[in-house]
Each structure stands twice: as structure tokens, then as C-alpha cells.
Amino acid sequence: MTGLRERAIVSLRSTPSLPKHVRIQYDPVRQAFAVLSPEKVFWPNEISLDILRRCDGRSTVDHIIADLAADYDADREAVAVDVIAFLQEWSDKLLVKL
């Protein structure tokens, strides 16, 4: 069982952050922000970037959801479903630490 890790599960109390090997960088050629990790480049949309920028290791998922719901004048429950799913997917890919 070497090499396997236990899957981290997103909760409202999680304080997500970007691991040291992941960074957000503007690409002037594409005029878009990229998320860079070793040997991989991701091109997140505006809302995904808003989520990732709030992953500072201090803000809880609950706080991130509340901020996004207020910023986008959106239903908090709908935002919660999307944010939790996004963070879980990115955590599973080792692009977000919980």
C-alpha cells in the first residue's frame, strides 16, 4: 500500500490553500490566468480563479462560500454545492490543500 494517501474531504471548516508547487500566473499571450503545477497548466474560468484566490490557508470554506455568494449576488446553497465540488476535485488532483 505504499504510495497511497488518504483522500482529504472538503468540509465547511476546511481552510484550503495552494500547495507550494502550485501558482497562479498571468499569461500575456493568451491574456488569461493560468494555474501552474509541475508539468501541468490549467486555464480556469473567472469563477474558478475567484475560488482559488480565496484559498489562503486562513479562510474557511464556509467563509469563501459566503463571500462568493455576496460578490455574485447568488444563492448561498447553490454556491456551496459548486465551491465544495470544485475544491474536492482540485484537492483530489493535489492542486489544493485542505
Protein backbone atom coordinates (compact mmCIF):
# COMPACT_ATOMS: atom_id res chain seq x y z
CA MET A 1 0.00 0.00 0.00
CA THR A 2 2.91 2.38 -0.39
CA GLY A 3 2.21 5.45 -2.45
CA LEU A 4 -1.45 5.65 -1.49
CA ARG A 5 -2.75 8.55 0.52
CA GLU A 6 -5.97 9.05 2.36
CA ARG A 7 -8.37 11.26 0.42
CA ALA A 8 -8.93 14.65 2.06
CA ILE A 9 -12.62 15.55 2.17
CA VAL A 10 -13.80 19.17 1.94
CA SER A 11 -15.82 20.43 4.89
CA LEU A 12 -17.17 23.87 5.71
CA ARG A 13 -14.40 24.17 8.32
CA SER A 14 -11.58 23.31 5.86
CA THR A 15 -9.07 26.11 5.26
CA PRO A 16 -7.88 25.45 1.70
CA SER A 17 -4.58 26.75 0.36
CA LEU A 18 -2.48 26.30 -2.74
CA PRO A 19 0.46 23.93 -2.24
CA LYS A 20 3.97 25.36 -2.77
CA HIS A 21 4.20 23.68 -6.18
CA VAL A 22 1.03 25.40 -7.50
CA ARG A 23 0.82 29.05 -8.51
CA ILE A 24 -1.45 31.40 -10.42
CA GLN A 25 0.27 33.35 -13.17
CA TYR A 26 -0.95 35.72 -15.87
CA ASP A 27 -0.13 34.69 -19.45
CA PRO A 28 0.12 37.87 -21.56
CA VAL A 29 -0.01 35.91 -24.83
CA ARG A 30 -3.37 34.34 -24.02
CA GLN A 31 -4.44 37.29 -21.88
CA ALA A 32 -5.62 34.85 -19.25
CA PHE A 33 -4.57 33.49 -15.88
CA ALA A 34 -3.07 30.03 -15.73
CA VAL A 35 -2.65 27.73 -12.76
CA LEU A 36 0.78 26.18 -12.99
CA SER A 37 1.94 22.99 -11.33
CA PRO A 38 4.89 20.80 -12.27
CA GLU A 39 4.37 19.61 -15.85
CA LYS A 40 0.75 20.80 -15.94
CA VAL A 41 -1.03 24.01 -16.87
CA PHE A 42 -4.71 24.68 -16.17
CA TRP A 43 -6.79 27.51 -17.63
CA PRO A 44 -9.51 28.15 -15.02
CA ASN A 45 -12.50 30.34 -15.71
CA GLU A 46 -13.15 33.59 -13.80
CA ILE A 47 -15.21 31.97 -11.05
CA SER A 48 -12.66 29.20 -10.51
CA LEU A 49 -9.96 31.87 -10.19
CA ASP A 50 -12.10 33.70 -7.61
CA ILE A 51 -12.30 30.50 -5.58
CA LEU A 52 -8.57 29.76 -5.88
CA ARG A 53 -7.56 33.30 -4.93
CA ARG A 54 -9.51 32.90 -1.69
CA CYS A 55 -7.63 29.69 -0.80
CA ASP A 56 -5.20 31.48 1.51
CA GLY A 57 -4.97 28.87 4.29
CA ARG A 58 -6.86 31.17 6.67
CA SER A 59 -10.36 31.48 5.19
CA THR A 60 -12.70 28.58 5.83
CA VAL A 61 -14.73 27.04 3.01
CA ASP A 62 -17.83 28.43 4.74
CA HIS A 63 -16.34 31.95 4.61
CA ILE A 64 -15.31 31.54 0.95
CA ILE A 65 -18.87 30.45 0.09
CA ALA A 66 -20.39 33.41 1.94
CA ASP A 67 -18.03 35.87 0.20
CA LEU A 68 -18.72 34.46 -3.26
CA ALA A 69 -22.48 34.39 -2.70
CA ALA A 70 -22.34 38.06 -1.70
CA ASP A 71 -19.98 39.08 -4.54
CA TYR A 72 -22.09 37.35 -7.19
CA ASP A 73 -25.46 38.05 -5.53
CA ALA A 74 -26.14 34.32 -5.78
CA ASP A 75 -27.99 31.72 -3.73
CA ARG A 76 -25.68 30.57 -0.93
CA GLU A 77 -26.71 26.91 -1.21
CA ALA A 78 -26.06 26.83 -4.96
CA VAL A 79 -22.68 28.47 -4.44
CA ALA A 80 -21.87 25.97 -1.67
CA VAL A 81 -22.53 22.98 -3.91
CA ASP A 82 -20.32 24.37 -6.67
CA VAL A 83 -17.47 25.51 -4.40
CA ILE A 84 -17.33 22.24 -2.47
CA ALA A 85 -17.35 20.19 -5.68
CA PHE A 86 -14.63 22.37 -7.22
CA LEU A 87 -12.40 22.24 -4.14
CA GLN A 88 -12.86 18.49 -3.81
CA GLU A 89 -11.87 17.93 -7.44
CA TRP A 90 -8.79 20.16 -7.13
CA SER A 91 -7.85 18.56 -3.79
CA ASP A 92 -8.08 15.12 -5.39
CA LYS A 93 -5.67 16.34 -8.10
CA LEU A 94 -3.32 17.66 -5.35
CA LEU A 95 -3.77 21.23 -6.58
CA VAL A 96 -5.43 22.47 -3.36
CA LYS A 97 -4.52 21.55 0.22
CA LEU A 98 -7.38 21.21 2.70
